[in-house]
C-alpha atoms as a PDB file:
ATOM      1  CA  UNK A   1      76.203 -31.864  -7.617  1.00  0.00           C
ATOM      2  CA  UNK A   2      72.361 -32.695  -6.743  1.00  0.00           C
ATOM      3  CA  UNK A   3      69.132 -31.571  -8.261  1.00  0.00           C
ATOM      4  CA  UNK A   4      66.155 -31.159  -6.305  1.00  0.00           C
ATOM      5  CA  UNK A   5      63.350 -33.608  -7.500  1.00  0.00           C
ATOM      6  CA  UNK A   6      65.638 -35.515  -9.901  1.00  0.00           C
ATOM      7  CA  UNK A   7      66.593 -35.562 -13.493  1.00  0.00           C
ATOM      8  CA  UNK A   8      62.998 -36.339 -14.685  1.00  0.00           C
ATOM      9  CA  UNK A   9      61.514 -33.490 -12.732  1.00  0.00           C
ATOM     10  CA  UNK A  10      64.078 -30.995 -14.472  1.00  0.00           C
ATOM     11  CA  UNK A  11      63.401 -32.440 -17.724  1.00  0.00           C
ATOM     12  CA  UNK A  12      59.385 -32.180 -17.321  1.00  0.00           C
ATOM     13  CA  UNK A  13      60.021 -28.553 -16.172  1.00  0.00           C
ATOM     14  CA  UNK A  14      62.341 -27.665 -19.172  1.00  0.00           C
ATOM     15  CA  UNK A  15      59.562 -29.245 -21.328  1.00  0.00           C
ATOM     16  CA  UNK A  16      56.748 -27.194 -19.915  1.00  0.00           C
ATOM     17  CA  UNK A  17      59.036 -24.054 -20.043  1.00  0.00           C
ATOM     18  CA  UNK A  18      59.720 -24.689 -23.692  1.00  0.00           C
ATOM     19  CA  UNK A  19      55.996 -25.233 -24.214  1.00  0.00           C
ATOM     20  CA  UNK A  20      55.240 -21.875 -22.750  1.00  0.00           C
ATOM     21  CA  UNK A  21      57.830 -20.203 -24.472  1.00  0.00           C
ATOM     22  CA  UNK A  22      56.534 -21.444 -27.903  1.00  0.00           C
ATOM     23  CA  UNK A  23      52.862 -20.375 -26.837  1.00  0.00           C
ATOM     24  CA  UNK A  24      54.149 -17.158 -25.874  1.00  0.00           C
ATOM     25  CA  UNK A  25      56.052 -16.747 -29.051  1.00  0.00           C
ATOM     26  CA  UNK A  26      52.724 -17.552 -31.056  1.00  0.00           C
ATOM     27  CA  UNK A  27      51.047 -14.801 -29.060  1.00  0.00           C
ATOM     28  CA  UNK A  28      53.801 -12.400 -30.024  1.00  0.00           C
ATOM     29  CA  UNK A  29      53.643 -13.251 -33.587  1.00  0.00           C
ATOM     30  CA  UNK A  30      49.884 -12.561 -33.606  1.00  0.00           C
ATOM     31  CA  UNK A  31      49.999  -9.241 -31.503  1.00  0.00           C
ATOM     32  CA  UNK A  32      49.699  -5.739 -33.419  1.00  0.00           C
ATOM     33  CA  UNK A  33      51.581  -2.809 -32.044  1.00  0.00           C
ATOM     34  CA  UNK A  34      51.328   0.802 -33.159  1.00  0.00           C
ATOM     35  CA  UNK A  35      54.315   2.934 -33.846  1.00  0.00           C
ATOM     36  CA  UNK A  36      54.013   6.733 -34.521  1.00  0.00           C
ATOM     37  CA  UNK A  37      55.929   9.765 -35.581  1.00  0.00           C
ATOM     38  CA  UNK A  38      55.289  13.422 -35.407  1.00  0.00           C
ATOM     39  CA  UNK A  39      52.589  13.369 -32.774  1.00  0.00           C
ATOM     40  CA  UNK A  40      50.368  10.724 -34.714  1.00  0.00           C
ATOM     41  CA  UNK A  41      50.494  12.268 -38.029  1.00  0.00           C
ATOM     42  CA  UNK A  42      52.127   9.049 -39.285  1.00  0.00           C
ATOM     43  CA  UNK A  43      51.290   5.749 -37.786  1.00  0.00           C
ATOM     44  CA  UNK A  44      52.289   2.087 -38.693  1.00  0.00           C
ATOM     45  CA  UNK A  45      50.681  -0.984 -37.389  1.00  0.00           C
ATOM     46  CA  UNK A  46      53.104  -3.934 -36.960  1.00  0.00           C
ATOM     47  CA  UNK A  47      52.625  -7.583 -36.026  1.00  0.00           C
ATOM     48  CA  UNK A  48      55.223  -9.503 -33.683  1.00  0.00           C
ATOM     49  CA  UNK A  49      56.851 -10.814 -36.839  1.00  0.00           C
ATOM     50  CA  UNK A  50      57.758  -7.179 -37.887  1.00  0.00           C
ATOM     51  CA  UNK A  51      55.526  -7.294 -40.859  1.00  0.00           C
ATOM     52  CA  UNK A  52      54.196  -3.804 -41.455  1.00  0.00           C
ATOM     53  CA  UNK A  53      50.138  -4.301 -41.538  1.00  0.00           C
ATOM     54  CA  UNK A  54      49.051  -0.615 -42.076  1.00  0.00           C
ATOM     55  CA  UNK A  55      50.565   2.723 -42.663  1.00  0.00           C
ATOM     56  CA  UNK A  56      48.284   5.803 -42.126  1.00  0.00           C
ATOM     57  CA  UNK A  57      49.484   9.296 -42.974  1.00  0.00           C
ATOM     58  CA  UNK A  58      47.758  12.417 -41.883  1.00  0.00           C
ATOM     59  CA  UNK A  59      46.701  14.395 -45.280  1.00  0.00           C
ATOM     60  CA  UNK A  60      48.460  17.455 -43.947  1.00  0.00           C
ATOM     61  CA  UNK A  61      51.661  15.768 -44.025  1.00  0.00           C
ATOM     62  CA  UNK A  62      51.176  14.879 -47.903  1.00  0.00           C
ATOM     63  CA  UNK A  63      51.298  18.621 -48.369  1.00  0.00           C
ATOM     64  CA  UNK A  64      54.738  18.996 -46.821  1.00  0.00           C
ATOM     65  CA  UNK A  65      57.793  17.999 -48.563  1.00  0.00           C
ATOM     66  CA  UNK A  66      58.571  14.391 -49.362  1.00  0.00           C
ATOM     67  CA  UNK A  67      61.860  14.466 -47.248  1.00  0.00           C
ATOM     68  CA  UNK A  68      59.835  15.107 -44.100  1.00  0.00           C
ATOM     69  CA  UNK A  69      57.390  12.317 -44.946  1.00  0.00           C
ATOM     70  CA  UNK A  70      60.226   9.897 -45.568  1.00  0.00           C
ATOM     71  CA  UNK A  71      61.697  11.088 -42.271  1.00  0.00           C
ATOM     72  CA  UNK A  72      58.248  10.410 -40.293  1.00  0.00           C
ATOM     73  CA  UNK A  73      57.834   7.017 -41.976  1.00  0.00           C
ATOM     74  CA  UNK A  74      61.098   5.816 -40.896  1.00  0.00           C
ATOM     75  CA  UNK A  75      60.697   7.158 -37.464  1.00  0.00           C
ATOM     76  CA  UNK A  76      57.066   5.516 -37.117  1.00  0.00           C
ATOM     77  CA  UNK A  77      58.466   2.071 -38.578  1.00  0.00           C
ATOM     78  CA  UNK A  78      61.433   2.304 -36.025  1.00  0.00           C
ATOM     79  CA  UNK A  79      59.029   3.085 -33.068  1.00  0.00           C
ATOM     80  CA  UNK A  80      56.872   0.099 -33.978  1.00  0.00           C
ATOM     81  CA  UNK A  81      59.996  -2.121 -34.216  1.00  0.00           C
ATOM     82  CA  UNK A  82      61.026  -0.900 -30.638  1.00  0.00           C
ATOM     83  CA  UNK A  83      57.594  -1.501 -29.313  1.00  0.00           C
ATOM     84  CA  UNK A  84      57.362  -5.218 -30.907  1.00  0.00           C
ATOM     85  CA  UNK A  85      60.724  -5.796 -29.180  1.00  0.00           C
ATOM     86  CA  UNK A  86      59.824  -4.139 -25.683  1.00  0.00           C
ATOM     87  CA  UNK A  87      56.538  -6.559 -25.846  1.00  0.00           C
ATOM     88  CA  UNK A  88      58.746  -9.640 -26.493  1.00  0.00           C
ATOM     89  CA  UNK A  89      61.033  -8.886 -23.739  1.00  0.00           C
ATOM     90  CA  UNK A  90      58.349  -8.140 -21.249  1.00  0.00           C
ATOM     91  CA  UNK A  91      56.513 -11.452 -22.241  1.00  0.00           C
ATOM     92  CA  UNK A  92      59.386 -13.672 -22.357  1.00  0.00           C
ATOM     93  CA  UNK A  93      60.650 -12.199 -18.950  1.00  0.00           C
ATOM     94  CA  UNK A  94      57.649 -14.527 -17.442  1.00  0.00           C
ATOM     95  CA  UNK A  95      59.359 -17.531 -19.113  1.00  0.00           C
ATOM     96  CA  UNK A  96      62.680 -16.774 -17.873  1.00  0.00           C
ATOM     97  CA  UNK A  97      61.750 -15.964 -14.196  1.00  0.00           C
ATOM     98  CA  UNK A  98      62.810 -18.502 -11.916  1.00  0.00           C
ATOM     99  CA  UNK A  99      65.721 -19.577 -13.954  1.00  0.00           C
ATOM    100  CA  UNK A 100      69.071 -19.123 -12.634  1.00  0.00           C
ATOM    101  CA  UNK A 101      70.305 -16.819 -15.723  1.00  0.00           C
ATOM    102  CA  UNK A 102      72.268 -13.781 -15.604  1.00  0.00           C
ATOM    103  CA  UNK A 103      70.482 -10.414 -15.652  1.00  0.00           C
ATOM    104  CA  UNK A 104      69.811  -9.386 -19.300  1.00  0.00           C
ATOM    105  CA  UNK A 105      70.425 -12.848 -20.882  1.00  0.00           C
ATOM    106  CA  UNK A 106      68.754 -13.142 -24.328  1.00  0.00           C
ATOM    107  CA  UNK A 107      67.072 -16.495 -25.254  1.00  0.00           C
ATOM    108  CA  UNK A 108      68.776 -18.158 -28.475  1.00  0.00           C
ATOM    109  CA  UNK A 109      66.948 -18.381 -31.718  1.00  0.00           C
ATOM    110  CA  UNK A 110      64.658 -15.317 -31.106  1.00  0.00           C
ATOM    111  CA  UNK A 111      62.655 -16.680 -27.987  1.00  0.00           C
END
């Protein structure tokens, strides 16, 4: 089996890819997404580390029953988590492009 460019080139490319992946991970960690539920009645701002930054509840929801508010909060947090993961997959796809890996392959260690 022969590698185009030699082992040194392959190692350099791997190092560049690792540096790019680390930079993207930092960008993701610092990015903020907005999750929402109830057509915006409850919103959750979350960063790429899944830390909830802010929760906003429409005052009309506060007049409703407690279980509805709890359901909307859970839905908004789940929406924010899905948006963080979608952002992560989109940004990491750029790093993975050009690599001979199977479709749907997930980088280990949360990359």
